Amino acid sequence: MNLDVRIDVHPTDAVIPGFREGFVLLPHQTIGYKWMRERENPSQEKYGGILADDMGIVCPLSLVGQWASEIERVAPGLAVLKHQGPSRTQDLKSFLRVHVVITTYDTLTSEHNSFKALADGAGVKDKRKNVTGKPPKDALFRAQWCRIVLDEAHKIKNRKTQVAGACCALDAKFRWTLTGTPMQNGVSEIFSLLKFLRVKPIDNWEYFNSTIAKPLETCVGVDKAMKRLQLVLQKVMLRRLKTDKLNGNALMYLPSRYVEEVSCDFTSSEREFYDNLVQKTGNAKRRLFCSAAKSGQAANYMAVLLLLLRLRQACDHPALVSKDYKEGLDSTAYGEDTTVDDASREAVCLFCKGCSPLAAHVQQQQQRPCSSAKIRKILDLLSQVEEKSNGGDKTIIFSQFTLMLTLIEPFLKNQGIRFVRYDGAMSLREREKSIEYIQKDENIKVILISFLAGNTGLNLTACNHVILVEPWWNPSLEDQASDRVYRFGQQKDVHIYKLKIDSTVEDSILRLQRQKRQLTRAALGGNESKNIRQFGMNELLGLFGADADDGVNDQAMQTTRATAVTLTAI
């Protein structure tokens, strides 16, 4: 929902005491600042909120330096302490000597575990040493903070994770969450933010589940549940989109943004490989549900996700499918419960063992290094970018699979295209150097980025083309990836290319993306909630195609559907 807000912005409101002399907030920043000030009013029981603009401070490791440098640039009078690493302080007095403490989610989780272990084991608060004889690293939880700010707050979306528990356990007067994607898969993710903010009574899971999450899941009382959620968010959340206006003018100047779904054509051997894989997937799926029916348990959804993962990989490159089972499982969902029972493991392993010979057959029929439909299209797009921009534009290539990035590399070298890479296996210094090269070196035209490592936090306005090699389950994460270039400071028109293979599982994933966007718009934008429901096992099976239930035992399906599982992992 695009808004045109009418608000008088006085010039004096744009000057913040303590900021660098001459630094003036932009109009939309001024409005956000005033709203945040109003949300810190204890007399009215206002203690913070959610700043959810379209894309002590807690942040991902890669953003610690960025936060510190921005504070120094804007407010040089503020003393900053970076609290991370094995040598970090445990002296509370060190916190008192600075204005801002910047830490990471991993550090926070580690210190919370130490804090809990001491409390649970010793039972005496003044016993400040662990079994090694050293003071425990838990200073963050022994301090009373004036204000806690969670950057990239969607990191706590799963209420059951340790990081969510750690953030909620911090002692602070005011609490803030910053995220462009407060909801990615379902409304249960918003609960973690509300729990962190301590918004009563909705910060209690039983209350939230019975009044909001469950009605949306079962499609009983959807309108009432959605309106209740919208009412809460209207109180505690400020969300502005890039398309919103202020007093009839654009909220901020940004060039045009174009998104294009680009179809890639399989060769006959690639299509044969994919169709054979679909058949094997169907057989493995039937084994999973028959096993579930015999045991009287629900089919393991992580095993189902792995079957879908193989189809997605086949759309990228046959070589991806021949990777071993464990690596495939690790790629399916990160940071979630990936437990797979023995019966499911056996069914999927039989499936995977049959995939490798198929992949090898395709590779034998093609020249080495082995190309694929998507690699051919990537090279075609890069050639078009080079020609149309006269060599002046740069491109980001995103893929979930690091092996796919590796497979792309030799083709870039053969074409004489200079590139850098950014993925989670690289050290922080190596990643920083890659960002520096793509931003400053005119000869570097492409950066290959692992989706999970680089879809948030990075500022890559030197690029204005983005190639998404495969559609991701979660459209919000795709938006975050494209926002690496489509952000304040971009001077050129931005082009987003979403690669897809027609008549494959990718068609179903794109349909799923549209459903998820509808749910997000309803919850965050006040849109109508008609035909809204959360994503569950039934919808997951629908990704296999129209005959998803073909050959699946009715008892197994009933057992699975009765669980009403919400798949937050995707």
Protein backbone atom coordinates (compact mmCIF):
# COMPACT_ATOMS: atom_id res chain seq x y z
CA MET A 1 0.00 0.00 0.00
CA ASN A 2 1.63 3.25 -1.17
CA LEU A 3 1.06 6.27 1.03
CA ASP A 4 1.25 10.04 0.56
CA VAL A 5 1.80 11.39 4.07
CA ARG A 6 1.04 15.07 4.79
CA ILE A 7 3.28 16.29 7.60
CA ASP A 8 4.96 19.61 8.24
CA VAL A 9 8.70 19.06 8.73
CA HIS A 10 10.35 22.04 10.44
CA PRO A 11 14.02 22.59 9.56
CA THR A 12 15.01 22.79 13.22
CA ASP A 13 13.71 19.25 13.77
CA ALA A 14 16.30 17.96 11.28
CA VAL A 15 19.25 19.10 13.42
CA ILE A 16 20.10 16.61 16.17
CA PRO A 17 22.11 17.76 19.21
CA GLY A 18 25.39 15.86 19.38
CA PHE A 19 25.58 15.11 15.67
CA ARG A 20 28.43 16.43 13.57
CA GLU A 21 28.11 20.14 12.82
CA GLY A 22 26.30 20.71 9.55
CA PHE A 23 24.71 17.24 9.51
CA VAL A 24 21.00 17.56 8.71
CA LEU A 25 18.46 14.75 8.58
CA LEU A 26 16.44 14.20 5.43
CA PRO A 27 12.67 14.75 5.77
CA HIS A 28 11.79 11.05 6.06
CA GLN A 29 14.60 10.59 8.60
CA THR A 30 13.29 13.51 10.63
CA ILE A 31 9.82 11.99 10.77
CA GLY A 32 11.28 8.65 11.82
CA TYR A 33 13.37 10.31 14.53
CA LYS A 34 10.36 12.18 15.95
CA TRP A 35 8.29 8.98 15.95
CA MET A 36 11.01 7.11 17.82
CA ARG A 37 11.23 9.91 20.40
CA GLU A 38 7.47 9.67 20.91
CA ARG A 39 7.77 5.91 21.35
CA GLU A 40 10.14 6.43 24.31
CA ASN A 41 7.63 7.82 26.80
CA PRO A 42 7.40 5.77 30.02
CA SER A 43 4.52 7.90 31.34
CA GLN A 44 2.43 6.55 28.43
CA GLU A 45 3.97 3.07 28.70
CA LYS A 46 5.86 3.50 25.45
CA TYR A 47 9.22 1.76 25.55
CA GLY A 48 10.32 1.37 21.92
CA GLY A 49 9.06 -0.28 18.76
CA ILE A 50 9.77 -1.73 15.33
CA LEU A 51 11.39 0.42 12.65
CA ALA A 52 10.51 -1.64 9.56
CA ASP A 53 11.37 0.66 6.68
CA ASP A 54 11.73 -0.98 3.27
CA MET A 55 15.13 -1.67 3.48
CA GLY A 56 23.81 -1.01 22.74
CA ILE A 57 23.42 -2.26 19.12
CA VAL A 58 23.19 -5.94 18.28
CA CYS A 59 24.00 -6.81 14.68
CA PRO A 60 25.54 -9.48 12.43
CA LEU A 61 29.34 -9.72 12.56
CA SER A 62 29.77 -8.24 9.08
CA LEU A 63 28.03 -5.01 10.16
CA VAL A 64 29.95 -4.25 13.37
CA GLY A 65 32.54 -2.15 11.56
CA GLN A 66 29.89 -0.43 9.47
CA TRP A 67 27.93 0.65 12.55
CA ALA A 68 31.07 1.93 14.27
CA SER A 69 32.20 3.94 11.23
CA GLU A 70 28.74 5.44 10.71
CA ILE A 71 28.54 6.56 14.34
CA GLU A 72 31.98 8.14 14.04
CA ARG A 73 30.95 9.91 10.82
CA VAL A 74 27.61 11.25 12.09
CA ALA A 75 28.22 11.70 15.82
CA PRO A 76 31.97 11.82 16.50
CA GLY A 77 31.32 12.86 20.10
CA LEU A 78 29.97 9.41 20.98
CA ALA A 79 32.42 6.91 22.44
CA VAL A 80 31.96 3.42 20.95
CA LEU A 81 33.04 -0.02 22.22
CA LYS A 82 33.03 -3.06 19.91
CA HIS A 83 32.23 -6.00 22.18
CA GLN A 84 33.15 -9.22 20.37
CA GLY A 85 35.87 -11.87 20.10
CA PRO A 86 37.67 -13.90 22.78
CA SER A 87 39.47 -10.89 24.25
CA ARG A 88 36.30 -8.85 24.87
CA THR A 89 35.96 -7.20 28.25
CA GLN A 90 34.00 -8.60 31.18
CA ASP A 91 34.40 -5.40 33.20
CA LEU A 92 31.08 -3.58 33.53
CA LYS A 93 32.98 -0.35 34.15
CA SER A 94 34.18 -0.52 30.54
CA PHE A 95 30.56 -0.20 29.43
CA LEU A 96 30.06 2.83 31.64
CA ARG A 97 32.97 4.65 29.97
CA VAL A 98 31.31 4.64 26.53
CA HIS A 99 28.03 5.77 25.00
CA VAL A 100 27.44 2.87 22.60
CA VAL A 101 28.35 -0.82 22.84
CA ILE A 102 28.20 -2.78 19.58
CA THR A 103 28.04 -6.56 19.80
CA THR A 104 27.03 -9.50 17.61
CA TYR A 105 24.22 -12.01 17.84
CA ASP A 106 26.74 -14.83 18.27
CA THR A 107 28.46 -13.02 21.14
CA LEU A 108 25.11 -12.31 22.76
CA THR A 109 24.05 -15.96 22.52
CA SER A 110 27.35 -17.19 23.93
CA GLU A 111 27.22 -14.84 26.91
CA HIS A 112 23.59 -15.76 27.59
CA ASN A 113 24.55 -19.44 27.75
CA SER A 114 27.30 -18.61 30.26
CA PHE A 115 24.92 -16.46 32.27
CA LYS A 116 22.27 -19.20 32.40
CA ALA A 117 24.81 -21.90 33.25
CA LEU A 118 26.04 -19.92 36.25
CA ALA A 119 22.53 -19.17 37.46
CA ASP A 120 21.32 -22.75 37.02
CA GLY A 121 24.44 -24.47 38.31
CA ALA A 122 25.78 -22.33 41.12
CA GLY A 123 22.55 -20.89 42.46
CA VAL A 124 24.60 -18.16 44.09
CA LYS A 125 24.92 -14.84 42.28
CA ASP A 126 28.28 -13.89 43.75
CA LYS A 127 29.97 -17.06 42.56
CA ARG A 128 31.65 -15.46 39.55
CA LYS A 129 33.96 -18.23 38.34
CA ASN A 130 33.33 -21.20 36.08
CA VAL A 131 34.96 -24.65 36.12
CA THR A 132 38.12 -23.27 34.48
CA GLY A 133 38.60 -20.81 37.32
CA LYS A 134 38.09 -17.85 34.97
CA PRO A 135 35.27 -15.32 35.25
CA PRO A 136 32.43 -16.27 32.89
CA LYS A 137 31.87 -14.14 29.80
CA ASP A 138 28.41 -12.78 30.55
CA ALA A 139 28.88 -9.03 31.01
CA LEU A 140 26.07 -8.15 28.60
CA PHE A 141 23.56 -9.79 30.95
CA ARG A 142 24.94 -8.24 34.13
CA ALA A 143 24.41 -4.72 32.78
CA GLN A 144 21.27 -2.62 32.89
CA TRP A 145 20.94 -0.90 29.53
CA CYS A 146 19.18 2.34 28.76
CA ARG A 147 18.42 1.21 25.22
CA ILE A 148 18.86 -1.99 23.19
CA VAL A 149 18.72 -1.83 19.38
CA LEU A 150 18.56 -5.03 17.32
CA ASP A 151 19.78 -4.46 13.77
CA GLU A 152 18.62 -7.01 11.17
CA ALA A 153 16.11 -8.08 13.82
CA HIS A 154 14.66 -10.83 11.65
CA LYS A 155 17.60 -12.85 13.01
CA ILE A 156 15.33 -13.64 16.00
CA LYS A 157 12.28 -14.63 13.91
CA ASN A 158 12.25 -18.19 15.29
CA ARG A 159 11.07 -17.90 18.90
CA LYS A 160 12.59 -21.29 19.75
CA THR A 161 16.19 -20.41 18.90
CA GLN A 162 18.88 -19.53 21.42
CA VAL A 163 19.49 -16.14 19.83
CA ALA A 164 15.83 -15.16 20.28
CA GLY A 165 15.94 -16.22 23.92
CA ALA A 166 19.16 -14.31 24.50
CA CYS A 167 17.84 -11.06 23.02
CA CYS A 168 14.62 -11.24 25.02
CA ALA A 169 16.59 -11.81 28.23
CA LEU A 170 18.51 -8.51 28.00
CA ASP A 171 17.66 -5.94 30.69
CA ALA A 172 16.81 -2.58 29.09
CA LYS A 173 14.50 0.37 29.61
CA PHE A 174 13.91 0.99 25.90
CA ARG A 175 13.90 -1.62 23.14
CA TRP A 176 14.10 -1.23 19.36
CA THR A 177 14.15 -3.60 16.42
CA LEU A 178 15.36 -2.57 12.96
CA THR A 179 14.40 -4.78 10.02
CA GLY A 180 13.11 -4.33 6.51
CA THR A 181 11.50 -7.78 6.70
CA PRO A 182 9.64 -8.10 10.03
CA MET A 183 7.70 -11.03 8.55
CA GLN A 184 9.11 -13.42 5.97
CA ASN A 185 7.15 -16.68 6.15
CA GLY A 186 4.31 -16.29 8.63
CA VAL A 187 2.91 -14.15 11.44
CA SER A 188 4.56 -16.30 14.13
CA GLU A 189 7.83 -14.58 13.22
CA ILE A 190 6.42 -11.25 14.38
CA PHE A 191 5.81 -12.79 17.80
CA SER A 192 9.56 -12.81 18.54
CA LEU A 193 9.75 -9.07 17.90
CA LEU A 194 6.73 -8.38 20.10
CA LYS A 195 8.15 -10.58 22.85
CA PHE A 196 11.45 -8.71 22.72
CA LEU A 197 9.55 -5.41 22.93
CA ARG A 198 7.43 -6.82 25.80
CA VAL A 199 4.13 -5.72 24.28
CA LYS A 200 1.50 -7.00 26.71
CA PRO A 201 -0.44 -9.32 26.54
CA ILE A 202 0.54 -10.33 23.02
CA ASP A 203 4.12 -11.15 24.08
CA ASN A 204 2.75 -14.35 25.63
CA TRP A 205 2.93 -17.20 23.09
CA GLU A 206 -0.21 -18.97 24.27
CA TYR A 207 -2.21 -15.76 23.87
CA PHE A 208 -0.60 -14.89 20.52
CA ASN A 209 -1.10 -18.40 19.19
CA SER A 210 -4.75 -18.68 20.20
CA THR A 211 -5.80 -15.21 19.01
CA ILE A 212 -3.63 -14.71 15.91
CA ALA A 213 -1.41 -17.56 14.71
CA LYS A 214 -3.90 -20.44 15.06
CA PRO A 215 -6.83 -18.67 13.35
CA LEU A 216 -4.62 -17.81 10.38
CA GLU A 217 -3.31 -21.36 10.23
CA THR A 218 -6.74 -23.00 10.32
CA CYS A 219 -8.60 -20.30 8.32
CA VAL A 220 -11.12 -19.92 11.17
CA GLY A 221 -11.57 -16.30 12.28
CA VAL A 222 -8.96 -14.97 9.85
CA ASP A 223 -10.38 -11.42 9.59
CA LYS A 224 -10.57 -10.92 13.35
CA ALA A 225 -7.06 -12.32 13.90
CA MET A 226 -5.54 -10.19 11.15
CA LYS A 227 -7.24 -7.01 12.37
CA ARG A 228 -5.97 -7.68 15.91
CA LEU A 229 -2.42 -8.04 14.60
CA GLN A 230 -2.71 -4.94 12.42
CA LEU A 231 -3.96 -2.90 15.39
CA VAL A 232 -0.93 -3.87 17.48
CA LEU A 233 1.54 -3.16 14.68
CA GLN A 234 -0.01 0.24 13.96
CA LYS A 235 0.91 1.20 17.54
CA VAL A 236 4.47 -0.08 17.70
CA MET A 237 5.74 -0.14 14.10
CA LEU A 238 6.80 2.49 11.60
CA ARG A 239 7.10 1.14 8.07
CA ARG A 240 7.82 3.25 4.97
CA LEU A 241 8.17 1.90 1.43
CA LYS A 242 10.40 3.38 -1.25
CA THR A 243 7.25 4.15 -3.23
CA ASP A 244 5.66 6.22 -0.43
CA LYS A 245 5.41 10.01 -0.75
CA LEU A 246 5.78 12.90 1.67
CA ASN A 247 3.69 16.00 0.98
CA GLY A 248 3.25 14.91 -2.62
CA ASN A 249 6.95 14.35 -3.24
CA ALA A 250 8.94 11.12 -3.35
CA LEU A 251 10.03 10.00 0.11
CA MET A 252 13.57 9.76 -1.25
CA TYR A 253 15.03 10.05 -4.71
CA LEU A 254 15.84 6.70 -6.28
CA PRO A 255 16.24 5.86 -9.95
CA SER A 256 13.89 3.41 -11.64
CA ARG A 257 13.89 -0.28 -10.73
CA TYR A 258 13.01 -3.00 -13.23
CA VAL A 259 12.34 -6.64 -12.29
CA GLU A 260 12.25 -9.25 -15.03
CA GLU A 261 11.60 -12.99 -14.89
CA VAL A 262 14.01 -14.48 -17.43
CA SER A 263 13.27 -17.95 -18.79
CA CYS A 264 16.22 -20.25 -19.50
CA ASP A 265 15.98 -23.13 -21.99
CA PHE A 266 17.07 -26.66 -21.14
CA THR A 267 18.91 -28.66 -23.77
CA SER A 268 17.27 -31.99 -24.63
CA SER A 269 19.68 -33.87 -22.34
CA GLU A 270 19.07 -31.41 -19.46
CA ARG A 271 15.29 -31.80 -19.86
CA GLU A 272 15.64 -35.59 -19.93
CA PHE A 273 17.74 -35.44 -16.76
CA TYR A 274 15.19 -33.23 -14.99
CA ASP A 275 12.19 -35.35 -16.02
CA ASN A 276 13.93 -38.51 -14.80
CA LEU A 277 14.66 -36.75 -11.54
CA VAL A 278 10.99 -35.79 -11.15
CA GLN A 279 10.05 -39.46 -11.50
CA LYS A 280 12.59 -40.51 -8.87
CA THR A 281 11.40 -37.72 -6.58
CA GLY A 282 7.85 -38.99 -6.82
CA ASN A 283 8.95 -42.50 -5.89
CA ALA A 284 10.93 -41.25 -2.91
CA LYS A 285 8.01 -39.10 -1.76
CA ARG A 286 5.66 -42.08 -1.84
CA ARG A 287 8.13 -44.12 0.23
CA LEU A 288 8.26 -41.31 2.81
CA PHE A 289 4.50 -41.21 3.23
CA CYS A 290 4.08 -44.98 3.26
CA SER A 291 6.68 -45.15 6.01
CA ALA A 292 4.82 -42.41 7.89
CA ALA A 293 1.54 -44.31 7.56
CA LYS A 294 3.05 -47.52 8.94
CA SER A 295 4.56 -45.72 11.94
CA GLY A 296 1.47 -43.57 12.57
CA GLN A 297 3.62 -40.43 12.47
CA ALA A 298 3.69 -37.38 10.24
CA ALA A 299 6.04 -37.44 7.27
CA ASN A 300 9.28 -35.61 8.06
CA TYR A 301 9.03 -32.23 6.35
CA MET A 302 12.82 -31.77 6.25
CA ALA A 303 13.05 -34.91 4.12
CA VAL A 304 10.35 -33.51 1.83
CA LEU A 305 12.32 -30.27 1.58
CA LEU A 306 15.41 -32.21 0.54
CA LEU A 307 13.52 -33.81 -2.33
CA LEU A 308 12.45 -30.36 -3.47
CA LEU A 309 16.03 -29.15 -3.05
CA ARG A 310 17.24 -31.74 -5.57
CA LEU A 311 14.73 -30.50 -8.14
CA ARG A 312 15.83 -26.90 -7.52
CA GLN A 313 19.49 -27.87 -7.91
CA ALA A 314 18.76 -29.65 -11.17
CA CYS A 315 17.37 -26.39 -12.53
CA ASP A 316 20.74 -24.74 -11.85
CA HIS A 317 23.20 -27.43 -12.91
CA PRO A 318 23.24 -31.27 -13.00
CA ALA A 319 26.49 -31.31 -10.99
CA LEU A 320 24.71 -29.90 -7.93
CA VAL A 321 22.47 -32.97 -7.67
CA SER A 322 25.37 -35.37 -7.32
CA LYS A 323 26.49 -33.83 -4.05
CA ASP A 324 26.18 -36.03 -0.99
CA TYR A 325 23.07 -36.29 1.16
CA LYS A 326 24.38 -34.48 4.23
CA GLU A 327 25.51 -31.41 2.29
CA GLY A 328 22.14 -31.28 0.62
CA LEU A 329 20.38 -31.41 3.95
CA ASP A 330 22.56 -28.62 5.31
CA SER A 331 21.57 -26.48 2.31
CA THR A 332 17.86 -27.04 2.82
CA ALA A 333 17.42 -24.83 5.87
CA TYR A 334 20.01 -23.21 8.09
CA GLY A 335 19.63 -22.34 11.72
CA GLU A 336 16.55 -24.56 12.07
CA ASP A 337 15.78 -28.01 13.41
CA THR A 338 17.00 -30.36 10.65
CA THR A 339 16.27 -33.66 12.38
CA VAL A 340 15.46 -36.45 9.94
CA ASP A 341 14.23 -39.82 11.21
CA ASP A 342 15.88 -43.06 10.05
CA ALA A 343 13.00 -44.12 7.81
CA SER A 344 13.00 -40.77 6.02
CA ARG A 345 16.78 -40.85 5.72
CA GLU A 346 16.67 -44.28 4.09
CA ALA A 347 14.02 -43.21 1.58
CA VAL A 348 15.91 -40.09 0.57
CA CYS A 349 19.30 -41.78 0.45
CA LEU A 350 17.92 -44.32 -2.03
CA PHE A 351 16.73 -41.36 -4.07
CA CYS A 352 20.09 -39.56 -3.92
CA LYS A 353 22.06 -42.65 -4.93
CA GLY A 354 20.05 -42.77 -8.12
CA CYS A 355 20.71 -39.12 -8.94
CA SER A 356 24.48 -39.20 -9.31
CA PRO A 357 24.55 -41.54 -12.34
CA LEU A 358 21.95 -39.35 -14.05
CA ALA A 359 24.04 -36.23 -13.44
CA ALA A 360 27.20 -37.97 -14.67
CA HIS A 361 25.39 -39.00 -17.86
CA VAL A 362 24.45 -35.40 -18.63
CA GLN A 363 27.99 -34.18 -18.02
CA GLN A 364 29.41 -36.81 -20.38
CA GLN A 365 27.19 -35.46 -23.16
CA GLN A 366 28.41 -31.91 -22.78
CA GLN A 367 31.78 -30.23 -23.09
CA ARG A 368 33.83 -29.70 -19.96
CA PRO A 369 33.69 -27.51 -18.02
CA CYS A 370 30.01 -28.47 -18.00
CA SER A 371 27.65 -25.64 -18.85
CA SER A 372 23.95 -25.39 -18.01
CA ALA A 373 20.88 -23.45 -19.15
CA LYS A 374 21.37 -20.86 -16.43
CA ILE A 375 25.09 -20.40 -16.99
CA ARG A 376 24.41 -19.81 -20.69
CA LYS A 377 21.76 -17.23 -19.82
CA ILE A 378 24.06 -15.51 -17.29
CA LEU A 379 26.75 -15.08 -19.94
CA ASP A 380 24.15 -13.75 -22.36
CA LEU A 381 22.88 -11.20 -19.81
CA LEU A 382 26.41 -10.06 -18.94
CA SER A 383 27.14 -9.57 -22.64
CA GLN A 384 24.01 -7.42 -22.96
CA VAL A 385 24.97 -5.35 -19.91
CA GLU A 386 28.46 -4.81 -21.33
CA GLU A 387 27.11 -3.74 -24.71
CA LYS A 388 24.33 -1.44 -23.49
CA SER A 389 26.43 0.31 -20.83
CA ASN A 390 29.60 0.47 -22.92
CA GLY A 391 31.38 -1.34 -20.12
CA GLY A 392 30.24 1.08 -17.43
CA ASP A 393 27.82 -1.10 -15.41
CA LYS A 394 28.53 -3.77 -12.80
CA THR A 395 26.58 -6.89 -11.83
CA ILE A 396 25.92 -8.98 -8.73
CA ILE A 397 25.25 -12.69 -9.24
CA PHE A 398 23.41 -14.26 -6.28
CA SER A 399 23.06 -18.01 -5.75
CA GLN A 400 22.08 -20.07 -2.74
CA PHE A 401 24.58 -22.76 -3.76
CA THR A 402 28.26 -21.93 -3.41
CA LEU A 403 29.08 -24.79 -5.79
CA MET A 404 27.01 -23.04 -8.45
CA LEU A 405 29.16 -19.95 -8.00
CA THR A 406 32.23 -22.14 -8.43
CA LEU A 407 30.78 -23.63 -11.62
CA ILE A 408 30.16 -20.13 -13.00
CA GLU A 409 33.73 -18.93 -12.37
CA PRO A 410 35.57 -20.65 -15.29
CA PHE A 411 33.03 -19.31 -17.78
CA LEU A 412 33.63 -15.76 -16.56
CA LYS A 413 37.37 -16.30 -16.92
CA ASN A 414 36.95 -17.67 -20.44
CA GLN A 415 34.99 -14.55 -21.37
CA GLY A 416 37.65 -12.28 -19.87
CA ILE A 417 35.24 -10.96 -17.24
CA ARG A 418 37.05 -9.87 -14.09
CA PHE A 419 35.18 -10.73 -10.90
CA VAL A 420 35.42 -11.15 -7.12
CA ARG A 421 33.59 -13.48 -4.77
CA TYR A 422 31.81 -13.12 -1.41
CA ASP A 423 30.71 -16.17 0.58
CA GLY A 424 30.53 -17.47 4.13
CA ALA A 425 33.68 -19.63 3.80
CA MET A 426 35.82 -16.52 3.36
CA SER A 427 37.31 -14.65 6.29
CA LEU A 428 35.87 -11.29 7.27
CA ARG A 429 38.95 -9.55 5.87
CA GLU A 430 38.66 -11.41 2.54
CA ARG A 431 35.01 -10.45 2.25
CA GLU A 432 35.80 -6.82 3.03
CA LYS A 433 38.46 -6.80 0.30
CA SER A 434 35.97 -8.21 -2.22
CA ILE A 435 33.51 -5.43 -1.39
CA GLU A 436 36.26 -2.83 -1.70
CA TYR A 437 37.33 -4.16 -5.12
CA ILE A 438 33.82 -4.22 -6.63
CA GLN A 439 33.11 -0.74 -5.28
CA LYS A 440 36.35 0.96 -6.31
CA ASP A 441 38.09 -1.02 -9.08
CA GLU A 442 36.65 -0.04 -12.47
CA ASN A 443 38.01 -3.23 -14.04
CA ILE A 444 36.03 -5.54 -11.73
CA LYS A 445 32.62 -5.97 -13.37
CA VAL A 446 31.02 -8.85 -11.43
CA ILE A 447 30.75 -10.04 -7.85
CA LEU A 448 29.58 -13.59 -7.09
CA ILE A 449 27.72 -13.65 -3.78
CA SER A 450 26.43 -16.56 -1.73
CA PHE A 451 22.82 -15.70 -1.02
CA LEU A 452 22.84 -16.39 2.73
CA ALA A 453 26.19 -14.64 3.28
CA GLY A 454 25.43 -11.44 1.42
CA ASN A 455 21.70 -10.81 1.17
CA THR A 456 21.69 -8.32 4.08
CA GLY A 457 23.79 -5.43 5.34
CA LEU A 458 25.99 -4.84 2.30
CA ASN A 459 26.06 -1.54 0.43
CA LEU A 460 26.85 -2.25 -3.23
CA THR A 461 25.59 0.81 -5.07
CA ALA A 462 28.55 0.52 -7.47
CA CYS A 463 26.48 -2.26 -9.09
CA ASN A 464 23.14 -1.69 -10.75
CA HIS A 465 22.39 -5.14 -12.19
CA VAL A 466 21.41 -8.16 -10.08
CA ILE A 467 21.06 -11.72 -11.35
CA LEU A 468 19.18 -14.08 -9.03
CA VAL A 469 20.26 -17.49 -10.27
CA GLU A 470 17.37 -19.34 -8.63
CA PRO A 471 14.11 -18.24 -6.99
CA TRP A 472 14.26 -18.43 -3.21
CA TRP A 473 11.45 -19.76 -1.05
CA ASN A 474 11.22 -16.44 0.67
CA PRO A 475 10.53 -13.36 -1.50
CA SER A 476 11.52 -11.04 1.36
CA LEU A 477 15.07 -12.38 1.22
CA GLU A 478 15.16 -11.80 -2.52
CA ASP A 479 14.10 -8.21 -1.88
CA GLN A 480 16.90 -7.84 0.65
CA ALA A 481 19.37 -9.11 -1.92
CA SER A 482 18.25 -6.64 -4.60
CA ASP A 483 18.30 -3.85 -2.00
CA ARG A 484 22.09 -4.19 -1.86
CA VAL A 485 22.01 -2.02 -5.01
CA TYR A 486 18.58 -0.36 -4.90
CA ARG A 487 19.18 1.94 -1.98
CA PHE A 488 20.06 5.50 -1.03
CA GLY A 489 23.11 6.54 -3.03
CA GLN A 490 22.28 4.59 -6.20
CA GLN A 491 22.62 6.85 -9.24
CA LYS A 492 21.70 4.47 -12.07
CA ASP A 493 18.56 2.57 -13.02
CA VAL A 494 18.52 -0.87 -11.37
CA HIS A 495 17.77 -4.08 -13.26
CA ILE A 496 16.86 -7.30 -11.44
CA TYR A 497 16.89 -10.55 -13.46
CA LYS A 498 15.16 -13.55 -11.87
CA LEU A 499 16.25 -16.68 -13.73
CA LYS A 500 13.80 -19.58 -14.04
CA ILE A 501 13.31 -22.79 -15.96
CA ASP A 502 9.78 -23.16 -17.33
CA SER A 503 7.71 -26.26 -16.50
CA THR A 504 9.76 -27.09 -13.40
CA VAL A 505 9.50 -26.75 -9.64
CA GLU A 506 10.58 -23.12 -10.05
CA ASP A 507 7.13 -22.26 -11.41
CA SER A 508 5.64 -23.53 -8.14
CA ILE A 509 8.15 -21.59 -6.03
CA LEU A 510 7.26 -18.36 -7.81
CA ARG A 511 3.58 -19.05 -7.04
CA LEU A 512 4.53 -19.58 -3.41
CA GLN A 513 6.35 -16.23 -3.41
CA ARG A 514 3.18 -14.45 -4.54
CA GLN A 515 1.19 -16.11 -1.73
CA LYS A 516 3.76 -15.06 0.86
CA ARG A 517 3.77 -11.48 -0.40
CA GLN A 518 -0.02 -11.42 -0.04
CA LEU A 519 0.26 -12.53 3.59
CA THR A 520 2.96 -9.94 4.33
CA ARG A 521 0.96 -7.12 2.74
CA ALA A 522 -2.10 -8.09 4.77
CA ALA A 523 -0.24 -8.10 8.09
CA LEU A 524 2.04 -5.09 7.61
CA GLY A 525 0.11 -2.90 5.20
CA GLY A 526 -3.45 -3.20 6.49
CA ASN A 527 -4.63 -4.95 3.32
CA GLU A 528 -7.65 -7.22 3.15
CA SER A 529 -7.09 -10.66 4.65
CA LYS A 530 -9.34 -12.59 2.27
CA ASN A 531 -7.99 -16.03 1.33
CA ILE A 532 -5.01 -15.56 3.64
CA ARG A 533 -3.46 -18.54 5.40
CA GLN A 534 -0.04 -19.63 6.56
CA PHE A 535 2.10 -22.12 4.67
CA GLY A 536 1.94 -25.74 5.77
CA MET A 537 2.66 -29.31 4.63
CA ASN A 538 -0.24 -29.33 2.16
CA GLU A 539 1.15 -26.30 0.37
CA LEU A 540 4.63 -27.82 0.48
CA LEU A 541 3.40 -30.92 -1.34
CA GLY A 542 1.75 -28.68 -3.90
CA LEU A 543 5.21 -27.54 -4.99
CA PHE A 544 5.77 -30.98 -6.54
CA GLY A 545 3.02 -30.25 -9.06
CA ALA A 546 -0.65 -30.90 -9.70
CA ASP A 547 -0.34 -34.61 -8.92
CA ALA A 548 1.47 -34.06 -5.64
CA ASP A 549 -0.73 -36.54 -3.78
CA ASP A 550 -0.63 -39.15 -6.55
CA GLY A 551 0.06 -42.55 -5.07
CA VAL A 552 0.34 -41.22 -1.52
CA ASN A 553 -1.53 -43.28 1.01
CA ASP A 554 -4.65 -41.48 2.30
CA GLN A 555 -3.86 -42.44 5.88
CA ALA A 556 -0.37 -40.96 5.55
CA MET A 557 -1.79 -37.71 4.17
CA GLN A 558 -4.35 -37.49 6.97
CA THR A 559 -1.66 -38.09 9.56
CA THR A 560 0.47 -35.36 8.03
CA ARG A 561 -2.32 -32.84 7.62
CA ALA A 562 -3.49 -33.38 11.18
CA THR A 563 -0.21 -31.99 12.45
CA ALA A 564 -0.93 -28.56 10.87
CA VAL A 565 2.78 -27.84 10.72
CA THR A 566 3.84 -24.31 9.79
CA LEU A 567 7.08 -24.47 7.84
CA THR A 568 9.01 -21.48 9.12
CA ALA A 569 12.21 -23.04 7.81
CA ILE A 570 11.38 -21.85 4.31
